[in-house]
């Protein structure tokens, strides 16, 4: 990845829940990923709602298993990760809805 860029993040493949902003690599070849959830979306209250996997050469041929992501697992919406050509991002998100 050479330049800063932004992508949309979807839940269930079709529901827009926010964006992920990627910085250009810094002097240490690290990229900052900032995840911005659109209200009323929020992270679920679980141990590791944010999971990121970096892929250096090719993206996975099919949907990867988020439980096997190991570049980053945690609760932060802004993280620094090694520069890579592709990233998988999995979020456990929720939104409150009225039952009236």
PDB file of N, CA and C in Angstrom:
ATOM      1  N   UNK A   1       0.847  -1.161   0.000  1.00  0.00           N
ATOM      2  CA  UNK A   1       0.000   0.000   0.000  1.00  0.00           C
ATOM      3  C   UNK A   1       0.894   1.225   0.000  1.00  0.00           C
ATOM      4  N   UNK A   2       0.656   2.141  -0.921  1.00  0.00           N
ATOM      5  CA  UNK A   2       1.540   3.274  -1.026  1.00  0.00           C
ATOM      6  C   UNK A   2       0.947   4.598  -0.619  1.00  0.00           C
ATOM      7  N   UNK A   3      -0.347   4.803  -0.832  1.00  0.00           N
ATOM      8  CA  UNK A   3      -0.976   6.091  -0.554  1.00  0.00           C
ATOM      9  C   UNK A   3      -2.130   5.922   0.421  1.00  0.00           C
ATOM     10  N   UNK A   4      -2.469   7.017   1.089  1.00  0.00           N
ATOM     11  CA  UNK A   4      -3.613   6.997   2.000  1.00  0.00           C
ATOM     12  C   UNK A   4      -4.884   6.725   1.207  1.00  0.00           C
ATOM     13  N   UNK A   5      -5.800   5.994   1.817  1.00  0.00           N
ATOM     14  CA  UNK A   5      -7.076   5.723   1.169  1.00  0.00           C
ATOM     15  C   UNK A   5      -8.138   5.383   2.204  1.00  0.00           C
ATOM     16  N   UNK A   6      -9.397   5.424   1.771  1.00  0.00           N
ATOM     17  CA  UNK A   6     -10.528   5.147   2.641  1.00  0.00           C
ATOM     18  C   UNK A   6     -11.440   4.152   1.948  1.00  0.00           C
ATOM     19  N   UNK A   7     -12.038   3.245   2.737  1.00  0.00           N
ATOM     20  CA  UNK A   7     -12.980   2.266   2.195  1.00  0.00           C
ATOM     21  C   UNK A   7     -14.232   2.235   3.066  1.00  0.00           C
ATOM     22  N   UNK A   8     -15.332   1.790   2.487  1.00  0.00           N
ATOM     23  CA  UNK A   8     -16.560   1.579   3.252  1.00  0.00           C
ATOM     24  C   UNK A   8     -16.494   0.241   3.962  1.00  0.00           C
ATOM     25  N   UNK A   9     -17.140   0.166   5.120  1.00  0.00           N
ATOM     26  CA  UNK A   9     -17.245  -1.076   5.888  1.00  0.00           C
ATOM     27  C   UNK A   9     -18.720  -1.463   5.945  1.00  0.00           C
ATOM     28  N   UNK A  10     -18.976  -2.730   5.638  1.00  0.00           N
ATOM     29  CA  UNK A  10     -20.354  -3.227   5.594  1.00  0.00           C
ATOM     30  C   UNK A  10     -20.567  -4.348   6.599  1.00  0.00           C
ATOM     31  N   UNK A  11     -21.773  -4.414   7.154  1.00  0.00           N
ATOM     32  CA  UNK A  11     -22.207  -5.540   7.972  1.00  0.00           C
ATOM     33  C   UNK A  11     -23.115  -6.387   7.087  1.00  0.00           C
ATOM     34  N   UNK A  12     -22.941  -7.694   7.145  1.00  0.00           N
ATOM     35  CA  UNK A  12     -23.783  -8.572   6.346  1.00  0.00           C
ATOM     36  C   UNK A  12     -23.667  -8.317   4.859  1.00  0.00           C
ATOM     37  N   UNK A  13     -22.592  -7.765   4.419  1.00  0.00           N
ATOM     38  CA  UNK A  13     -22.248  -7.506   3.016  1.00  0.00           C
ATOM     39  C   UNK A  13     -23.008  -6.358   2.376  1.00  0.00           C
ATOM     40  N   UNK A  14     -24.094  -5.857   2.987  1.00  0.00           N
ATOM     41  CA  UNK A  14     -24.883  -4.815   2.324  1.00  0.00           C
ATOM     42  C   UNK A  14     -25.238  -3.619   3.202  1.00  0.00           C
ATOM     43  N   UNK A  15     -25.011  -3.685   4.508  1.00  0.00           N
ATOM     44  CA  UNK A  15     -25.416  -2.603   5.411  1.00  0.00           C
ATOM     45  C   UNK A  15     -24.191  -1.761   5.756  1.00  0.00           C
ATOM     46  N   UNK A  16     -24.160  -0.531   5.255  1.00  0.00           N
ATOM     47  CA  UNK A  16     -23.033   0.361   5.503  1.00  0.00           C
ATOM     48  C   UNK A  16     -22.997   0.741   6.977  1.00  0.00           C
ATOM     49  N   UNK A  17     -21.873   0.463   7.655  1.00  0.00           N
ATOM     50  CA  UNK A  17     -21.746   0.780   9.077  1.00  0.00           C
ATOM     51  C   UNK A  17     -20.637   1.782   9.362  1.00  0.00           C
ATOM     52  N   UNK A  18     -19.855   2.144   8.348  1.00  0.00           N
ATOM     53  CA  UNK A  18     -18.792   3.115   8.579  1.00  0.00           C
ATOM     54  C   UNK A  18     -17.716   3.045   7.518  1.00  0.00           C
ATOM     55  N   UNK A  19     -16.543   3.577   7.871  1.00  0.00           N
ATOM     56  CA  UNK A  19     -15.407   3.593   6.956  1.00  0.00           C
ATOM     57  C   UNK A  19     -14.142   3.173   7.684  1.00  0.00           C
ATOM     58  N   UNK A  20     -13.152   2.784   6.914  1.00  0.00           N
ATOM     59  CA  UNK A  20     -11.805   2.544   7.430  1.00  0.00           C
ATOM     60  C   UNK A  20     -10.863   3.421   6.624  1.00  0.00           C
ATOM     61  N   UNK A  21     -10.075   4.224   7.320  1.00  0.00           N
ATOM     62  CA  UNK A  21      -9.088   5.091   6.692  1.00  0.00           C
ATOM     63  C   UNK A  21      -7.705   4.494   6.910  1.00  0.00           C
ATOM     64  N   UNK A  22      -6.952   4.392   5.825  1.00  0.00           N
ATOM     65  CA  UNK A  22      -5.605   3.829   5.853  1.00  0.00           C
ATOM     66  C   UNK A  22      -4.609   4.942   5.550  1.00  0.00           C
ATOM     67  N   UNK A  23      -3.614   5.113   6.399  1.00  0.00           N
ATOM     68  CA  UNK A  23      -2.584   6.107   6.130  1.00  0.00           C
ATOM     69  C   UNK A  23      -1.583   5.551   5.124  1.00  0.00           C
ATOM     70  N   UNK A  24      -0.791   6.429   4.546  1.00  0.00           N
ATOM     71  CA  UNK A  24       0.357   5.974   3.763  1.00  0.00           C
ATOM     72  C   UNK A  24       1.351   5.366   4.745  1.00  0.00           C
ATOM     73  N   UNK A  25       2.185   4.432   4.308  1.00  0.00           N
ATOM     74  CA  UNK A  25       3.182   3.858   5.217  1.00  0.00           C
ATOM     75  C   UNK A  25       4.111   4.931   5.779  1.00  0.00           C
ATOM     76  N   UNK A  26       4.460   4.798   7.053  1.00  0.00           N
ATOM     77  CA  UNK A  26       5.385   5.752   7.660  1.00  0.00           C
ATOM     78  C   UNK A  26       6.828   5.286   7.457  1.00  0.00           C
ATOM     79  N   UNK A  27       7.776   5.940   8.084  1.00  0.00           N
ATOM     80  CA  UNK A  27       9.186   5.618   7.944  1.00  0.00           C
ATOM     81  C   UNK A  27       9.557   4.238   8.453  1.00  0.00           C
ATOM     82  N   UNK A  28       8.721   3.659   9.304  1.00  0.00           N
ATOM     83  CA  UNK A  28       8.959   2.308   9.821  1.00  0.00           C
ATOM     84  C   UNK A  28       8.145   1.262   9.075  1.00  0.00           C
ATOM     85  N   UNK A  29       7.567   1.648   7.929  1.00  0.00           N
ATOM     86  CA  UNK A  29       6.739   0.780   7.093  1.00  0.00           C
ATOM     87  C   UNK A  29       5.508   0.276   7.844  1.00  0.00           C
ATOM     88  N   UNK A  30       4.929   1.171   8.651  1.00  0.00           N
ATOM     89  CA  UNK A  30       3.695   0.878   9.374  1.00  0.00           C
ATOM     90  C   UNK A  30       2.575   1.722   8.790  1.00  0.00           C
ATOM     91  N   UNK A  31       1.350   1.197   8.843  1.00  0.00           N
ATOM     92  CA  UNK A  31       0.157   1.876   8.353  1.00  0.00           C
ATOM     93  C   UNK A  31      -0.800   2.051   9.526  1.00  0.00           C
ATOM     94  N   UNK A  32      -1.389   3.235   9.633  1.00  0.00           N
ATOM     95  CA  UNK A  32      -2.408   3.454  10.654  1.00  0.00           C
ATOM     96  C   UNK A  32      -3.774   3.227  10.019  1.00  0.00           C
ATOM     97  N   UNK A  33      -4.569   2.367  10.652  1.00  0.00           N
ATOM     98  CA  UNK A  33      -5.940   2.121  10.229  1.00  0.00           C
ATOM     99  C   UNK A  33      -6.853   2.753  11.269  1.00  0.00           C
ATOM    100  N   UNK A  34      -7.731   3.649  10.810  1.00  0.00           N
ATOM    101  CA  UNK A  34      -8.711   4.294  11.688  1.00  0.00           C
ATOM    102  C   UNK A  34     -10.101   3.893  11.222  1.00  0.00           C
ATOM    103  N   UNK A  35     -10.832   3.242  12.111  1.00  0.00           N
ATOM    104  CA  UNK A  35     -12.184   2.782  11.799  1.00  0.00           C
ATOM    105  C   UNK A  35     -13.175   3.782  12.376  1.00  0.00           C
ATOM    106  N   UNK A  36     -14.100   4.228  11.534  1.00  0.00           N
ATOM    107  CA  UNK A  36     -15.090   5.228  11.928  1.00  0.00           C
ATOM    108  C   UNK A  36     -16.481   4.631  11.732  1.00  0.00           C
ATOM    109  N   UNK A  37     -17.138   4.299  12.835  1.00  0.00           N
ATOM    110  CA  UNK A  37     -18.485   3.732  12.748  1.00  0.00           C
ATOM    111  C   UNK A  37     -19.517   4.857  12.669  1.00  0.00           C
ATOM    112  N   UNK A  38     -20.512   4.660  11.826  1.00  0.00           N
ATOM    113  CA  UNK A  38     -21.592   5.619  11.660  1.00  0.00           C
ATOM    114  C   UNK A  38     -22.639   5.367  12.739  1.00  0.00           C
ATOM    115  N   UNK A  39     -23.093   6.426  13.397  1.00  0.00           N
ATOM    116  CA  UNK A  39     -24.135   6.291  14.411  1.00  0.00           C
ATOM    117  C   UNK A  39     -25.405   5.727  13.755  1.00  0.00           C
ATOM    118  N   UNK A  40     -26.070   4.792  14.364  1.00  0.00           N
ATOM    119  CA  UNK A  40     -26.022   4.336  15.746  1.00  0.00           C
ATOM    120  C   UNK A  40     -25.148   3.095  15.957  1.00  0.00           C
ATOM    121  N   UNK A  41     -24.307   2.755  14.995  1.00  0.00           N
ATOM    122  CA  UNK A  41     -23.474   1.562  15.112  1.00  0.00           C
ATOM    123  C   UNK A  41     -22.385   1.742  16.160  1.00  0.00           C
ATOM    124  N   UNK A  42     -22.080   0.660  16.880  1.00  0.00           N
ATOM    125  CA  UNK A  42     -21.029   0.658  17.903  1.00  0.00           C
ATOM    126  C   UNK A  42     -20.430  -0.740  17.954  1.00  0.00           C
ATOM    127  N   UNK A  43     -19.266  -0.845  18.571  1.00  0.00           N
ATOM    128  CA  UNK A  43     -18.671  -2.168  18.769  1.00  0.00           C
ATOM    129  C   UNK A  43     -19.456  -2.931  19.821  1.00  0.00           C
ATOM    130  N   UNK A  44     -19.570  -4.237  19.630  1.00  0.00           N
ATOM    131  CA  UNK A  44     -20.199  -5.076  20.649  1.00  0.00           C
ATOM    132  C   UNK A  44     -19.296  -5.110  21.879  1.00  0.00           C
ATOM    133  N   UNK A  45     -19.888  -5.358  23.027  1.00  0.00           N
ATOM    134  CA  UNK A  45     -19.138  -5.439  24.284  1.00  0.00           C
ATOM    135  C   UNK A  45     -18.596  -6.863  24.446  1.00  0.00           C
ATOM    136  N   UNK A  46     -17.571  -7.176  23.634  1.00  0.00           N
ATOM    137  CA  UNK A  46     -16.902  -8.473  23.691  1.00  0.00           C
ATOM    138  C   UNK A  46     -15.401  -8.229  23.809  1.00  0.00           C
ATOM    139  N   UNK A  47     -14.635  -9.260  24.095  1.00  0.00           N
ATOM    140  CA  UNK A  47     -13.199  -9.106  24.353  1.00  0.00           C
ATOM    141  C   UNK A  47     -12.428  -8.550  23.162  1.00  0.00           C
ATOM    142  N   UNK A  48     -12.728  -9.008  21.953  1.00  0.00           N
ATOM    143  CA  UNK A  48     -11.961  -8.592  20.776  1.00  0.00           C
ATOM    144  C   UNK A  48     -12.905  -8.286  19.606  1.00  0.00           C
ATOM    145  N   UNK A  49     -13.601  -7.144  19.645  1.00  0.00           N
ATOM    146  CA  UNK A  49     -14.549  -6.849  18.579  1.00  0.00           C
ATOM    147  C   UNK A  49     -13.886  -6.392  17.276  1.00  0.00           C
ATOM    148  N   UNK A  50     -12.606  -6.051  17.315  1.00  0.00           N
ATOM    149  CA  UNK A  50     -11.878  -5.606  16.122  1.00  0.00           C
ATOM    150  C   UNK A  50     -10.813  -6.646  15.789  1.00  0.00           C
ATOM    151  N   UNK A  51     -10.872  -7.163  14.562  1.00  0.00           N
ATOM    152  CA  UNK A  51      -9.902  -8.160  14.116  1.00  0.00           C
ATOM    153  C   UNK A  51      -9.379  -7.734  12.749  1.00  0.00           C
ATOM    154  N   UNK A  52      -8.049  -7.712  12.588  1.00  0.00           N
ATOM    155  CA  UNK A  52      -7.431  -7.285  11.329  1.00  0.00           C
ATOM    156  C   UNK A  52      -6.386  -8.308  10.932  1.00  0.00           C
ATOM    157  N   UNK A  53      -6.378  -8.647   9.644  1.00  0.00           N
ATOM    158  CA  UNK A  53      -5.363  -9.552   9.102  1.00  0.00           C
ATOM    159  C   UNK A  53      -4.710  -8.876   7.900  1.00  0.00           C
ATOM    160  N   UNK A  54      -3.389  -8.796   7.906  1.00  0.00           N
ATOM    161  CA  UNK A  54      -2.629  -8.254   6.773  1.00  0.00           C
ATOM    162  C   UNK A  54      -2.253  -9.393   5.839  1.00  0.00           C
ATOM    163  N   UNK A  55      -2.316  -9.115   4.542  1.00  0.00           N
ATOM    164  CA  UNK A  55      -1.917 -10.079   3.516  1.00  0.00           C
ATOM    165  C   UNK A  55      -0.879  -9.400   2.634  1.00  0.00           C
ATOM    166  N   UNK A  56       0.330  -9.948   2.586  1.00  0.00           N
ATOM    167  CA  UNK A  56       1.421  -9.282   1.871  1.00  0.00           C
ATOM    168  C   UNK A  56       1.360  -9.437   0.359  1.00  0.00           C
ATOM    169  N   UNK A  57       0.961 -10.597  -0.144  1.00  0.00           N
ATOM    170  CA  UNK A  57       1.041 -10.791  -1.594  1.00  0.00           C
ATOM    171  C   UNK A  57      -0.317 -10.881  -2.282  1.00  0.00           C
ATOM    172  N   UNK A  58      -1.192 -11.749  -1.829  1.00  0.00           N
ATOM    173  CA  UNK A  58      -2.504 -11.906  -2.466  1.00  0.00           C
ATOM    174  C   UNK A  58      -3.586 -11.991  -1.393  1.00  0.00           C
ATOM    175  N   UNK A  59      -4.781 -11.503  -1.710  1.00  0.00           N
ATOM    176  CA  UNK A  59      -5.877 -11.648  -0.745  1.00  0.00           C
ATOM    177  C   UNK A  59      -6.315 -13.102  -0.704  1.00  0.00           C
ATOM    178  N   UNK A  60      -7.041 -13.485   0.335  1.00  0.00           N
ATOM    179  CA  UNK A  60      -7.516 -14.872   0.403  1.00  0.00           C
ATOM    180  C   UNK A  60      -8.487 -15.177  -0.736  1.00  0.00           C
ATOM    181  N   UNK A  61      -8.506 -16.415  -1.172  1.00  0.00           N
ATOM    182  CA  UNK A  61      -9.380 -16.829  -2.278  1.00  0.00           C
ATOM    183  C   UNK A  61     -10.851 -16.880  -1.861  1.00  0.00           C
ATOM    184  N   UNK A  62     -11.113 -17.040  -0.560  1.00  0.00           N
ATOM    185  CA  UNK A  62     -12.489 -17.082  -0.061  1.00  0.00           C
ATOM    186  C   UNK A  62     -12.536 -16.305   1.253  1.00  0.00           C
ATOM    187  N   UNK A  63     -13.712 -16.255   1.868  1.00  0.00           N
ATOM    188  CA  UNK A  63     -13.834 -15.529   3.126  1.00  0.00           C
ATOM    189  C   UNK A  63     -12.958 -16.175   4.197  1.00  0.00           C
ATOM    190  N   UNK A  64     -12.020 -15.404   4.759  1.00  0.00           N
ATOM    191  CA  UNK A  64     -11.161 -15.962   5.809  1.00  0.00           C
ATOM    192  C   UNK A  64     -11.920 -16.078   7.127  1.00  0.00           C
ATOM    193  N   UNK A  65     -11.437 -16.918   8.001  1.00  0.00           N
ATOM    194  CA  UNK A  65     -12.042 -17.092   9.321  1.00  0.00           C
ATOM    195  C   UNK A  65     -11.512 -15.994  10.249  1.00  0.00           C
ATOM    196  N   UNK A  66     -12.362 -15.048  10.691  1.00  0.00           N
ATOM    197  CA  UNK A  66     -11.893 -13.952  11.536  1.00  0.00           C
ATOM    198  C   UNK A  66     -11.204 -14.422  12.811  1.00  0.00           C
ATOM    199  N   UNK A  67     -11.583 -15.579  13.322  1.00  0.00           N
ATOM    200  CA  UNK A  67     -10.933 -16.100  14.524  1.00  0.00           C
ATOM    201  C   UNK A  67      -9.461 -16.401  14.322  1.00  0.00           C
ATOM    202  N   UNK A  68      -9.046 -16.531  13.069  1.00  0.00           N
ATOM    203  CA  UNK A  68      -7.641 -16.810  12.767  1.00  0.00           C
ATOM    204  C   UNK A  68      -6.858 -15.545  12.435  1.00  0.00           C
ATOM    205  N   UNK A  69      -7.510 -14.374  12.409  1.00  0.00           N
ATOM    206  CA  UNK A  69      -6.795 -13.125  12.165  1.00  0.00           C
ATOM    207  C   UNK A  69      -5.804 -12.904  13.298  1.00  0.00           C
ATOM    208  N   UNK A  70      -4.572 -12.520  12.977  1.00  0.00           N
ATOM    209  CA  UNK A  70      -3.588 -12.329  14.040  1.00  0.00           C
ATOM    210  C   UNK A  70      -2.754 -11.059  13.910  1.00  0.00           C
ATOM    211  N   UNK A  71      -3.023 -10.212  12.907  1.00  0.00           N
ATOM    212  CA  UNK A  71      -2.290  -8.953  12.821  1.00  0.00           C
ATOM    213  C   UNK A  71      -2.689  -8.037  13.964  1.00  0.00           C
ATOM    214  N   UNK A  72      -3.990  -7.970  14.260  1.00  0.00           N
ATOM    215  CA  UNK A  72      -4.486  -7.212  15.402  1.00  0.00           C
ATOM    216  C   UNK A  72      -5.792  -7.826  15.870  1.00  0.00           C
ATOM    217  N   UNK A  73      -5.926  -7.956  17.196  1.00  0.00           N
ATOM    218  CA  UNK A  73      -7.189  -8.337  17.837  1.00  0.00           C
ATOM    219  C   UNK A  73      -7.320  -7.476  19.082  1.00  0.00           C
ATOM    220  N   UNK A  74      -8.452  -6.796  19.218  1.00  0.00           N
ATOM    221  CA  UNK A  74      -8.636  -5.972  20.401  1.00  0.00           C
ATOM    222  C   UNK A  74      -9.861  -5.106  20.305  1.00  0.00           C
ATOM    223  N   UNK A  75      -9.801  -3.952  20.987  1.00  0.00           N
ATOM    224  CA  UNK A  75     -10.949  -3.064  21.080  1.00  0.00           C
ATOM    225  C   UNK A  75     -10.707  -1.690  20.463  1.00  0.00           C
ATOM    226  N   UNK A  76      -9.490  -1.402  20.047  1.00  0.00           N
ATOM    227  CA  UNK A  76      -9.162  -0.083  19.524  1.00  0.00           C
ATOM    228  C   UNK A  76      -9.669   0.095  18.097  1.00  0.00           C
ATOM    229  N   UNK A  77     -10.194   1.292  17.807  1.00  0.00           N
ATOM    230  CA  UNK A  77     -10.645   1.609  16.459  1.00  0.00           C
ATOM    231  C   UNK A  77      -9.545   2.292  15.641  1.00  0.00           C
ATOM    232  N   UNK A  78      -8.408   2.586  16.265  1.00  0.00           N
ATOM    233  CA  UNK A  78      -7.245   3.128  15.562  1.00  0.00           C
ATOM    234  C   UNK A  78      -6.039   2.284  15.948  1.00  0.00           C
ATOM    235  N   UNK A  79      -5.430   1.649  14.951  1.00  0.00           N
ATOM    236  CA  UNK A  79      -4.291   0.762  15.213  1.00  0.00           C
ATOM    237  C   UNK A  79      -3.202   0.990  14.167  1.00  0.00           C
ATOM    238  N   UNK A  80      -1.969   0.701  14.544  1.00  0.00           N
ATOM    239  CA  UNK A  80      -0.839   0.708  13.627  1.00  0.00           C
ATOM    240  C   UNK A  80      -0.472  -0.734  13.329  1.00  0.00           C
ATOM    241  N   UNK A  81      -0.382  -1.047  12.043  1.00  0.00           N
ATOM    242  CA  UNK A  81      -0.100  -2.417  11.600  1.00  0.00           C
ATOM    243  C   UNK A  81       0.987  -2.375  10.535  1.00  0.00           C
ATOM    244  N   UNK A  82       1.669  -3.501  10.299  1.00  0.00           N
ATOM    245  CA  UNK A  82       2.670  -3.526   9.237  1.00  0.00           C
ATOM    246  C   UNK A  82       2.048  -3.239   7.863  1.00  0.00           C
ATOM    247  N   UNK A  83       2.802  -2.558   7.023  1.00  0.00           N
ATOM    248  CA  UNK A  83       2.360  -2.273   5.662  1.00  0.00           C
ATOM    249  C   UNK A  83       2.109  -3.587   4.922  1.00  0.00           C
ATOM    250  N   UNK A  84       1.016  -3.660   4.189  1.00  0.00           N
ATOM    251  CA  UNK A  84       0.663  -4.863   3.423  1.00  0.00           C
ATOM    252  C   UNK A  84      -0.107  -4.439   2.180  1.00  0.00           C
ATOM    253  N   UNK A  85      -0.242  -5.345   1.239  1.00  0.00           N
ATOM    254  CA  UNK A  85      -1.009  -5.057   0.027  1.00  0.00           C
ATOM    255  C   UNK A  85      -2.511  -5.158   0.245  1.00  0.00           C
ATOM    256  N   UNK A  86      -2.924  -6.005   1.197  1.00  0.00           N
ATOM    257  CA  UNK A  86      -4.351  -6.230   1.456  1.00  0.00           C
ATOM    258  C   UNK A  86      -4.565  -6.388   2.959  1.00  0.00           C
ATOM    259  N   UNK A  87      -5.759  -5.997   3.411  1.00  0.00           N
ATOM    260  CA  UNK A  87      -6.143  -6.184   4.814  1.00  0.00           C
ATOM    261  C   UNK A  87      -7.539  -6.763   4.874  1.00  0.00           C
ATOM    262  N   UNK A  88      -7.745  -7.710   5.768  1.00  0.00           N
ATOM    263  CA  UNK A  88      -9.071  -8.174   6.113  1.00  0.00           C
ATOM    264  C   UNK A  88      -9.436  -7.521   7.435  1.00  0.00           C
ATOM    265  N   UNK A  89     -10.618  -6.958   7.522  1.00  0.00           N
ATOM    266  CA  UNK A  89     -11.092  -6.329   8.757  1.00  0.00           C
ATOM    267  C   UNK A  89     -12.425  -6.965   9.120  1.00  0.00           C
ATOM    268  N   UNK A  90     -12.513  -7.455  10.336  1.00  0.00           N
ATOM    269  CA  UNK A  90     -13.771  -8.026  10.830  1.00  0.00           C
ATOM    270  C   UNK A  90     -14.133  -7.268  12.100  1.00  0.00           C
ATOM    271  N   UNK A  91     -15.357  -6.782  12.148  1.00  0.00           N
ATOM    272  CA  UNK A  91     -15.845  -6.064  13.320  1.00  0.00           C
ATOM    273  C   UNK A  91     -17.083  -6.748  13.869  1.00  0.00           C
ATOM    274  N   UNK A  92     -17.161  -6.833  15.181  1.00  0.00           N
ATOM    275  CA  UNK A  92     -18.384  -7.282  15.839  1.00  0.00           C
ATOM    276  C   UNK A  92     -19.121  -5.999  16.229  1.00  0.00           C
ATOM    277  N   UNK A  93     -20.187  -5.673  15.475  1.00  0.00           N
ATOM    278  CA  UNK A  93     -20.907  -4.424  15.704  1.00  0.00           C
ATOM    279  C   UNK A  93     -22.342  -4.690  16.136  1.00  0.00           C
ATOM    280  N   UNK A  94     -22.921  -3.644  16.701  1.00  0.00           N
ATOM    281  CA  UNK A  94     -24.302  -3.716  17.174  1.00  0.00           C
ATOM    282  C   UNK A  94     -24.924  -2.326  17.022  1.00  0.00           C
ATOM    283  N   UNK A  95     -26.246  -2.295  17.031  1.00  0.00           N
ATOM    284  CA  UNK A  95     -26.936  -1.011  17.112  1.00  0.00           C
ATOM    285  C   UNK A  95     -28.197  -1.204  17.930  1.00  0.00           C
ATOM    286  N   UNK A  96     -28.537  -0.160  18.663  1.00  0.00           N
ATOM    287  CA  UNK A  96     -29.747  -0.194  19.482  1.00  0.00           C
ATOM    288  C   UNK A  96     -30.923   0.243  18.638  1.00  0.00           C
ATOM    289  N   UNK A  97     -32.011  -0.501  18.742  1.00  0.00           N
ATOM    290  CA  UNK A  97     -33.224  -0.143  18.004  1.00  0.00           C
ATOM    291  C   UNK A  97     -34.400  -0.080  18.976  1.00  0.00           C
ATOM    292  N   UNK A  98     -35.351   0.725  18.654  1.00  0.00           N
ATOM    293  CA  UNK A  98     -36.543   0.867  19.482  1.00  0.00           C
ATOM    294  C   UNK A  98     -37.501  -0.287  19.188  1.00  0.00           C
ATOM    295  N   UNK A  99     -38.109  -0.817  20.228  1.00  0.00           N
ATOM    296  CA  UNK A  99     -39.062  -1.927  20.065  1.00  0.00           C
ATOM    297  C   UNK A  99     -40.502  -1.423  20.180  1.00  0.00           C
ATOM    298  N   UNK A 100     -40.704  -0.145  20.047  1.00  0.00           N
ATOM    299  CA  UNK A 100     -42.064   0.421  20.149  1.00  0.00           C
ATOM    300  C   UNK A 100     -42.872   0.131  18.929  1.00  0.00           C
TER     301      UNK A 100
END
